[in-house]
C-alpha cells in the first residue's frame, strides 16, 4: 500500500464482513486525525489478520505509524484471529508487527484471539518502534492475548506507556 495520508477517520482496511483474511501488507502512514490501519466492525467474525506490518515499513525497521489505531477490533466483532494460528507451520511468518501507532491494538469486541504478535518493536524484537500503548482492552471480555504455547506468545516491548491496558 503506498504511503499516503487520506481524510479524517480513514482506514487502510475497513472490514465489515466475516471470513476475511488480510495478509502480507505494510499498512502505514494513515496520518490524519482518527486514521487507522485495520478495522474489524459490525458482526465481523472468523477473520484472520496475519503476516502484516502495521505502522512499520516493509523492512520491519522503520516507524511509519498510523495516527490512531494499528488494529481496531470493535464491539460486535468476535471469533477473529490476529496473528499466528500456532499450528507449527510458518508461525513466525504469520505474526503481525505493530508499531508506531497511538494504540497498537484496540480491542472492544469479545472472544477474539491475539497470538504471536510483536507489538512495539522492530522485526527482530530487539529495537523499539513504540506505540503509545501496545494493546488496550476497552470493556471487552473473553479475549485471549497469547497462550503458553511458544508460537502464540506475544512480544510487547518498547511501548511508551502500557504494554497492555485493561479498562
Foldseek 3Di string as FASTA:
>chain_A
DDADEDDAQAELEEAAAEPAEAADEEQFHNEHHNYEYYEYDAQYANYEYWQYEFQADPQQADGRHHEAESYEYAANHAHYEYAAPLPPPCRLSGEYEFANYQEHYEAHYEHYEYFQYEFQAGSVNPHGRAHQEGYEDENYDHYHQFDPRVSRHYHQDNYNHYPYHYD
